[in-house]
Amino acid sequence: MGIFSSIKDAIFGKKAVAAQPATPAAPSPIGSALDAATSAMAAAAAAPPAEVDVDAILTAEAAGKDLNWRTSIVDLMKLLGIDSSLANRKELATELGYTGDLDGSAEMNIWLHKAVMRELAANGGKVPADLTD
């Protein structure tokens, strides 16, 4: 699991994945109405989750803490309980496709923060536009 996955899981929450049966289930003796209802329930369970309000979650989490998660990748990672060391930020930068120097510069950190916010939005998060530009 990568650093971004840890960030996403900390914000979105981990979803339990239902185990799929190895073999198809035998036809229901009760009939097709039950089979149709079961199929509809399975489809609803597989539907994508509702959009997650990233701003609201992080703002609530940061209440009373001296962390500026809206502009700082280090503070965002600290808020989520993720190691914000340079080594982890380098790994995150590589994971997200950063092509500049992996030196922990302000440029790298600003790029990382924007990239994380864009990825959260691409994965079902509701992120304000000013955090992704």
N, C-alpha and C. Protein backbone atom coordinates (compact mmCIF):
# COMPACT_ATOMS: atom_id res chain seq x y z
N MET A 1 0.85 -1.17 0.00
CA MET A 1 0.00 0.00 0.00
C MET A 1 0.90 1.23 0.00
N GLY A 2 0.58 2.19 -0.86
CA GLY A 2 1.37 3.39 -0.98
C GLY A 2 0.95 4.47 0.00
N ILE A 3 1.73 5.53 0.01
CA ILE A 3 1.45 6.67 0.89
C ILE A 3 0.10 7.31 0.52
N PHE A 4 -0.15 7.48 -0.79
CA PHE A 4 -1.44 8.08 -1.16
C PHE A 4 -2.60 7.22 -0.69
N SER A 5 -2.49 5.92 -0.78
CA SER A 5 -3.56 5.03 -0.30
C SER A 5 -3.80 5.24 1.19
N SER A 6 -2.73 5.45 1.94
CA SER A 6 -2.87 5.71 3.38
C SER A 6 -3.61 7.02 3.62
N ILE A 7 -3.29 8.04 2.82
CA ILE A 7 -3.97 9.33 2.95
C ILE A 7 -5.45 9.17 2.60
N LYS A 8 -5.71 8.53 1.48
CA LYS A 8 -7.10 8.34 1.04
C LYS A 8 -7.89 7.53 2.07
N ASP A 9 -7.31 6.45 2.57
CA ASP A 9 -8.00 5.62 3.55
C ASP A 9 -8.28 6.39 4.85
N ALA A 10 -7.33 7.23 5.25
CA ALA A 10 -7.52 8.00 6.48
C ALA A 10 -8.67 9.00 6.35
N ILE A 11 -8.87 9.50 5.14
CA ILE A 11 -9.94 10.48 4.92
C ILE A 11 -11.26 9.79 4.58
N PHE A 12 -11.23 8.86 3.66
CA PHE A 12 -12.46 8.22 3.18
C PHE A 12 -12.93 7.11 4.11
N GLY A 13 -12.06 6.58 4.90
CA GLY A 13 -12.40 5.43 5.74
C GLY A 13 -12.22 4.17 4.94
N LYS A 14 -11.88 3.13 5.60
CA LYS A 14 -11.67 1.87 4.90
C LYS A 14 -13.01 1.17 4.72
N LYS A 15 -13.20 0.65 3.55
CA LYS A 15 -14.44 -0.07 3.22
C LYS A 15 -14.15 -1.57 3.30
N ALA A 16 -15.02 -2.27 3.95
CA ALA A 16 -14.88 -3.73 3.99
C ALA A 16 -15.25 -4.29 2.63
N VAL A 17 -14.44 -5.15 2.15
CA VAL A 17 -14.70 -5.77 0.85
C VAL A 17 -15.32 -7.13 1.10
N ALA A 18 -16.52 -7.31 0.58
CA ALA A 18 -17.21 -8.59 0.77
C ALA A 18 -16.51 -9.67 -0.05
N ALA A 19 -16.36 -10.80 0.55
CA ALA A 19 -15.73 -11.92 -0.16
C ALA A 19 -16.67 -12.43 -1.23
N GLN A 20 -16.15 -12.65 -2.39
CA GLN A 20 -16.94 -13.17 -3.50
C GLN A 20 -16.89 -14.70 -3.46
N PRO A 21 -17.99 -15.38 -3.71
CA PRO A 21 -17.95 -16.83 -3.73
C PRO A 21 -17.09 -17.33 -4.88
N ALA A 22 -16.39 -18.43 -4.65
CA ALA A 22 -15.50 -18.97 -5.66
C ALA A 22 -16.27 -19.61 -6.80
N THR A 23 -17.46 -20.14 -6.51
CA THR A 23 -18.28 -20.77 -7.53
C THR A 23 -19.63 -20.08 -7.59
N PRO A 24 -20.27 -20.09 -8.73
CA PRO A 24 -21.59 -19.44 -8.81
C PRO A 24 -22.59 -20.13 -7.90
N ALA A 25 -23.49 -19.32 -7.36
CA ALA A 25 -24.51 -19.86 -6.47
C ALA A 25 -25.53 -20.66 -7.28
N ALA A 26 -26.09 -21.68 -6.64
CA ALA A 26 -27.12 -22.49 -7.29
C ALA A 26 -28.38 -21.67 -7.44
N PRO A 27 -29.19 -21.92 -8.45
CA PRO A 27 -30.43 -21.17 -8.64
C PRO A 27 -31.31 -21.26 -7.40
N SER A 28 -31.97 -20.17 -7.10
CA SER A 28 -32.82 -20.11 -5.92
C SER A 28 -34.08 -20.95 -6.14
N PRO A 29 -34.43 -21.78 -5.17
CA PRO A 29 -35.65 -22.56 -5.31
C PRO A 29 -36.91 -21.71 -5.15
N ILE A 30 -36.79 -20.52 -4.60
CA ILE A 30 -37.96 -19.67 -4.38
C ILE A 30 -38.39 -19.00 -5.67
N GLY A 31 -37.48 -18.81 -6.59
CA GLY A 31 -37.89 -18.27 -7.88
C GLY A 31 -37.15 -17.03 -8.29
N SER A 32 -37.54 -16.55 -9.44
CA SER A 32 -36.82 -15.45 -10.06
C SER A 32 -37.01 -14.12 -9.32
N ALA A 33 -38.11 -13.91 -8.60
CA ALA A 33 -38.32 -12.65 -7.88
C ALA A 33 -37.24 -12.47 -6.82
N LEU A 34 -36.94 -13.54 -6.09
CA LEU A 34 -35.89 -13.47 -5.08
C LEU A 34 -34.54 -13.26 -5.74
N ASP A 35 -34.31 -13.94 -6.86
CA ASP A 35 -33.05 -13.78 -7.59
C ASP A 35 -32.90 -12.33 -8.06
N ALA A 36 -33.95 -11.71 -8.54
CA ALA A 36 -33.90 -10.33 -9.00
C ALA A 36 -33.61 -9.38 -7.84
N ALA A 37 -34.25 -9.61 -6.70
CA ALA A 37 -34.01 -8.77 -5.52
C ALA A 37 -32.58 -8.91 -5.05
N THR A 38 -32.08 -10.13 -5.05
CA THR A 38 -30.70 -10.37 -4.64
C THR A 38 -29.73 -9.68 -5.59
N SER A 39 -29.99 -9.74 -6.88
CA SER A 39 -29.14 -9.08 -7.86
C SER A 39 -29.16 -7.56 -7.67
N ALA A 40 -30.34 -7.00 -7.38
CA ALA A 40 -30.46 -5.56 -7.17
C ALA A 40 -29.68 -5.13 -5.93
N MET A 41 -29.75 -5.93 -4.88
CA MET A 41 -29.00 -5.61 -3.66
C MET A 41 -27.50 -5.69 -3.92
N ALA A 42 -27.06 -6.67 -4.66
CA ALA A 42 -25.64 -6.81 -4.98
C ALA A 42 -25.17 -5.63 -5.82
N ALA A 43 -25.98 -5.19 -6.76
CA ALA A 43 -25.62 -4.05 -7.60
C ALA A 43 -25.53 -2.77 -6.76
N ALA A 44 -26.45 -2.60 -5.81
CA ALA A 44 -26.42 -1.42 -4.95
C ALA A 44 -25.18 -1.43 -4.06
N ALA A 45 -24.78 -2.60 -3.58
CA ALA A 45 -23.59 -2.71 -2.75
C ALA A 45 -22.33 -2.41 -3.54
N ALA A 46 -22.35 -2.71 -4.83
CA ALA A 46 -21.18 -2.48 -5.67
C ALA A 46 -21.13 -1.07 -6.23
N ALA A 47 -22.19 -0.28 -6.05
CA ALA A 47 -22.24 1.08 -6.59
C ALA A 47 -21.17 1.94 -5.94
N PRO A 48 -20.65 2.93 -6.67
CA PRO A 48 -19.63 3.79 -6.09
C PRO A 48 -20.18 4.56 -4.90
N PRO A 49 -19.34 4.82 -3.91
CA PRO A 49 -19.81 5.54 -2.73
C PRO A 49 -20.13 6.99 -3.07
N ALA A 50 -20.93 7.60 -2.22
CA ALA A 50 -21.26 9.00 -2.41
C ALA A 50 -19.99 9.84 -2.26
N GLU A 51 -19.99 11.00 -2.87
CA GLU A 51 -18.83 11.87 -2.81
C GLU A 51 -18.51 12.22 -1.35
N VAL A 52 -17.22 12.18 -1.01
CA VAL A 52 -16.76 12.45 0.35
C VAL A 52 -16.30 13.90 0.43
N ASP A 53 -16.84 14.65 1.39
CA ASP A 53 -16.48 16.07 1.55
C ASP A 53 -15.15 16.17 2.29
N VAL A 54 -14.07 16.20 1.53
CA VAL A 54 -12.72 16.21 2.08
C VAL A 54 -12.50 17.44 2.95
N ASP A 55 -12.93 18.60 2.48
CA ASP A 55 -12.76 19.84 3.23
C ASP A 55 -13.42 19.75 4.60
N ALA A 56 -14.65 19.29 4.64
CA ALA A 56 -15.38 19.21 5.91
C ALA A 56 -14.72 18.21 6.87
N ILE A 57 -14.30 17.08 6.35
CA ILE A 57 -13.67 16.06 7.20
C ILE A 57 -12.37 16.58 7.80
N LEU A 58 -11.52 17.18 6.95
CA LEU A 58 -10.23 17.66 7.43
C LEU A 58 -10.37 18.87 8.34
N THR A 59 -11.33 19.75 8.04
CA THR A 59 -11.55 20.91 8.89
C THR A 59 -12.00 20.47 10.28
N ALA A 60 -12.90 19.50 10.34
CA ALA A 60 -13.36 18.99 11.63
C ALA A 60 -12.22 18.30 12.39
N GLU A 61 -11.42 17.54 11.67
CA GLU A 61 -10.30 16.84 12.30
C GLU A 61 -9.26 17.82 12.84
N ALA A 62 -9.09 18.94 12.16
CA ALA A 62 -8.06 19.92 12.55
C ALA A 62 -8.50 20.87 13.65
N ALA A 63 -9.79 20.82 14.02
CA ALA A 63 -10.30 21.74 15.04
C ALA A 63 -9.45 21.64 16.31
N GLY A 64 -8.96 22.79 16.76
CA GLY A 64 -8.17 22.84 17.99
C GLY A 64 -6.72 22.43 17.82
N LYS A 65 -6.32 22.13 16.60
CA LYS A 65 -4.93 21.73 16.34
C LYS A 65 -4.26 22.84 15.53
N ASP A 66 -3.00 23.04 15.79
CA ASP A 66 -2.25 24.08 15.09
C ASP A 66 -1.61 23.50 13.83
N LEU A 67 -2.45 23.06 12.89
CA LEU A 67 -1.96 22.47 11.64
C LEU A 67 -2.66 23.14 10.47
N ASN A 68 -1.88 23.57 9.49
CA ASN A 68 -2.44 24.23 8.31
C ASN A 68 -2.50 23.23 7.16
N TRP A 69 -3.43 22.31 7.21
CA TRP A 69 -3.54 21.25 6.21
C TRP A 69 -3.93 21.79 4.84
N ARG A 70 -4.52 22.99 4.78
CA ARG A 70 -4.99 23.54 3.51
C ARG A 70 -3.85 23.95 2.58
N THR A 71 -2.66 24.18 3.10
CA THR A 71 -1.54 24.57 2.25
C THR A 71 -0.28 23.73 2.48
N SER A 72 -0.21 22.99 3.54
CA SER A 72 1.01 22.26 3.88
C SER A 72 0.81 20.75 3.79
N ILE A 73 1.61 20.11 2.94
CA ILE A 73 1.55 18.65 2.84
C ILE A 73 2.02 18.01 4.15
N VAL A 74 3.01 18.64 4.80
CA VAL A 74 3.51 18.11 6.08
C VAL A 74 2.40 18.14 7.12
N ASP A 75 1.70 19.28 7.23
CA ASP A 75 0.61 19.38 8.20
C ASP A 75 -0.54 18.44 7.85
N LEU A 76 -0.83 18.28 6.57
CA LEU A 76 -1.88 17.35 6.15
C LEU A 76 -1.54 15.93 6.60
N MET A 77 -0.31 15.52 6.36
CA MET A 77 0.10 14.17 6.74
C MET A 77 0.08 14.01 8.26
N LYS A 78 0.55 15.01 8.99
CA LYS A 78 0.53 14.95 10.46
C LYS A 78 -0.91 14.84 10.97
N LEU A 79 -1.81 15.62 10.37
CA LEU A 79 -3.22 15.60 10.78
C LEU A 79 -3.81 14.20 10.64
N LEU A 80 -3.37 13.48 9.60
CA LEU A 80 -3.90 12.14 9.34
C LEU A 80 -3.12 11.04 10.05
N GLY A 81 -2.11 11.42 10.82
CA GLY A 81 -1.33 10.43 11.56
C GLY A 81 -0.36 9.65 10.66
N ILE A 82 0.07 10.28 9.57
CA ILE A 82 0.99 9.65 8.62
C ILE A 82 2.35 10.31 8.75
N ASP A 83 3.39 9.52 8.79
CA ASP A 83 4.76 10.03 8.90
C ASP A 83 5.03 11.02 7.77
N SER A 84 5.37 12.25 8.14
CA SER A 84 5.60 13.31 7.14
C SER A 84 7.08 13.52 6.85
N SER A 85 7.89 12.53 7.14
CA SER A 85 9.33 12.66 6.92
C SER A 85 9.63 12.89 5.44
N LEU A 86 10.83 13.41 5.18
CA LEU A 86 11.24 13.65 3.80
C LEU A 86 11.23 12.35 3.01
N ALA A 87 11.63 11.26 3.62
CA ALA A 87 11.63 9.96 2.92
C ALA A 87 10.21 9.60 2.45
N ASN A 88 9.22 9.81 3.30
CA ASN A 88 7.83 9.50 2.92
C ASN A 88 7.31 10.47 1.87
N ARG A 89 7.69 11.74 1.97
CA ARG A 89 7.26 12.71 0.97
C ARG A 89 7.92 12.42 -0.38
N LYS A 90 9.17 11.95 -0.36
CA LYS A 90 9.83 11.54 -1.60
C LYS A 90 9.09 10.36 -2.23
N GLU A 91 8.71 9.40 -1.39
CA GLU A 91 7.97 8.23 -1.88
C GLU A 91 6.63 8.65 -2.46
N LEU A 92 5.93 9.56 -1.78
CA LEU A 92 4.64 10.06 -2.27
C LEU A 92 4.83 10.80 -3.59
N ALA A 93 5.88 11.61 -3.68
CA ALA A 93 6.15 12.36 -4.91
C ALA A 93 6.39 11.41 -6.08
N THR A 94 7.15 10.38 -5.84
CA THR A 94 7.42 9.38 -6.88
C THR A 94 6.14 8.68 -7.28
N GLU A 95 5.35 8.32 -6.29
CA GLU A 95 4.07 7.62 -6.52
C GLU A 95 3.12 8.46 -7.38
N LEU A 96 3.14 9.78 -7.17
CA LEU A 96 2.21 10.66 -7.88
C LEU A 96 2.80 11.26 -9.16
N GLY A 97 4.04 10.90 -9.49
CA GLY A 97 4.62 11.30 -10.76
C GLY A 97 5.37 12.62 -10.77
N TYR A 98 5.87 13.06 -9.62
CA TYR A 98 6.65 14.30 -9.58
C TYR A 98 7.96 14.10 -10.32
N THR A 99 8.32 15.07 -11.18
CA THR A 99 9.52 14.92 -12.00
C THR A 99 10.66 15.86 -11.59
N GLY A 100 10.44 16.71 -10.60
CA GLY A 100 11.48 17.63 -10.15
C GLY A 100 12.43 16.95 -9.17
N ASP A 101 13.30 17.76 -8.59
CA ASP A 101 14.25 17.24 -7.59
C ASP A 101 13.49 16.82 -6.34
N LEU A 102 13.86 15.67 -5.81
CA LEU A 102 13.23 15.14 -4.60
C LEU A 102 14.02 15.60 -3.37
N ASP A 103 14.06 16.93 -3.20
CA ASP A 103 14.90 17.50 -2.15
C ASP A 103 14.11 18.11 -1.00
N GLY A 104 12.79 17.97 -1.03
CA GLY A 104 11.97 18.52 0.04
C GLY A 104 11.79 20.02 -0.06
N SER A 105 12.05 20.56 -1.24
CA SER A 105 11.92 22.01 -1.45
C SER A 105 10.47 22.46 -1.32
N ALA A 106 10.31 23.76 -1.18
CA ALA A 106 8.96 24.32 -1.15
C ALA A 106 8.21 23.97 -2.42
N GLU A 107 8.91 24.02 -3.56
CA GLU A 107 8.29 23.67 -4.84
C GLU A 107 7.74 22.25 -4.82
N MET A 108 8.53 21.31 -4.33
CA MET A 108 8.09 19.91 -4.26
C MET A 108 6.89 19.77 -3.32
N ASN A 109 6.97 20.42 -2.17
CA ASN A 109 5.89 20.29 -1.18
C ASN A 109 4.58 20.91 -1.66
N ILE A 110 4.68 22.05 -2.34
CA ILE A 110 3.47 22.69 -2.89
C ILE A 110 2.87 21.80 -3.97
N TRP A 111 3.72 21.25 -4.85
CA TRP A 111 3.25 20.35 -5.90
C TRP A 111 2.58 19.13 -5.28
N LEU A 112 3.21 18.57 -4.24
CA LEU A 112 2.65 17.38 -3.58
C LEU A 112 1.26 17.66 -3.01
N HIS A 113 1.10 18.78 -2.33
CA HIS A 113 -0.19 19.10 -1.72
C HIS A 113 -1.27 19.19 -2.80
N LYS A 114 -0.98 19.92 -3.87
CA LYS A 114 -1.96 20.06 -4.97
C LYS A 114 -2.25 18.70 -5.61
N ALA A 115 -1.21 17.89 -5.82
CA ALA A 115 -1.39 16.58 -6.45
C ALA A 115 -2.24 15.67 -5.57
N VAL A 116 -2.01 15.70 -4.27
CA VAL A 116 -2.82 14.88 -3.35
C VAL A 116 -4.28 15.32 -3.41
N MET A 117 -4.52 16.62 -3.40
CA MET A 117 -5.90 17.12 -3.47
C MET A 117 -6.56 16.73 -4.79
N ARG A 118 -5.80 16.82 -5.90
CA ARG A 118 -6.36 16.41 -7.20
C ARG A 118 -6.68 14.92 -7.20
N GLU A 119 -5.81 14.11 -6.64
CA GLU A 119 -6.04 12.66 -6.60
C GLU A 119 -7.23 12.32 -5.71
N LEU A 120 -7.38 13.02 -4.59
CA LEU A 120 -8.55 12.80 -3.73
C LEU A 120 -9.83 13.11 -4.50
N ALA A 121 -9.80 14.22 -5.27
CA ALA A 121 -10.97 14.59 -6.07
C ALA A 121 -11.24 13.53 -7.14
N ALA A 122 -10.19 13.01 -7.74
CA ALA A 122 -10.35 12.00 -8.79
C ALA A 122 -10.85 10.67 -8.24
N ASN A 123 -10.72 10.48 -6.93
CA ASN A 123 -11.13 9.23 -6.30
C ASN A 123 -12.41 9.37 -5.49
N GLY A 124 -13.22 10.38 -5.81
CA GLY A 124 -14.52 10.51 -5.16
C GLY A 124 -14.58 11.53 -4.05
N GLY A 125 -13.55 12.34 -3.91
CA GLY A 125 -13.56 13.37 -2.88
C GLY A 125 -14.08 14.68 -3.40
N LYS A 126 -14.80 15.39 -2.57
CA LYS A 126 -15.26 16.74 -2.91
C LYS A 126 -14.21 17.69 -2.33
N VAL A 127 -13.43 18.29 -3.23
CA VAL A 127 -12.31 19.14 -2.83
C VAL A 127 -12.52 20.52 -3.46
N PRO A 128 -12.43 21.60 -2.66
CA PRO A 128 -12.58 22.94 -3.22
C PRO A 128 -11.56 23.21 -4.32
N ALA A 129 -11.97 23.91 -5.36
CA ALA A 129 -11.11 24.18 -6.51
C ALA A 129 -9.82 24.89 -6.11
N ASP A 130 -9.87 25.76 -5.12
CA ASP A 130 -8.65 26.48 -4.73
C ASP A 130 -7.58 25.57 -4.14
N LEU A 131 -7.94 24.36 -3.76
CA LEU A 131 -6.96 23.42 -3.22
C LEU A 131 -6.36 22.53 -4.30
N THR A 132 -6.93 22.57 -5.49
CA THR A 132 -6.43 21.70 -6.57
C THR A 132 -5.73 22.48 -7.68
N ASP A 133 -5.85 23.82 -7.69
CA ASP A 133 -5.25 24.64 -8.76
C ASP A 133 -3.77 24.84 -8.51
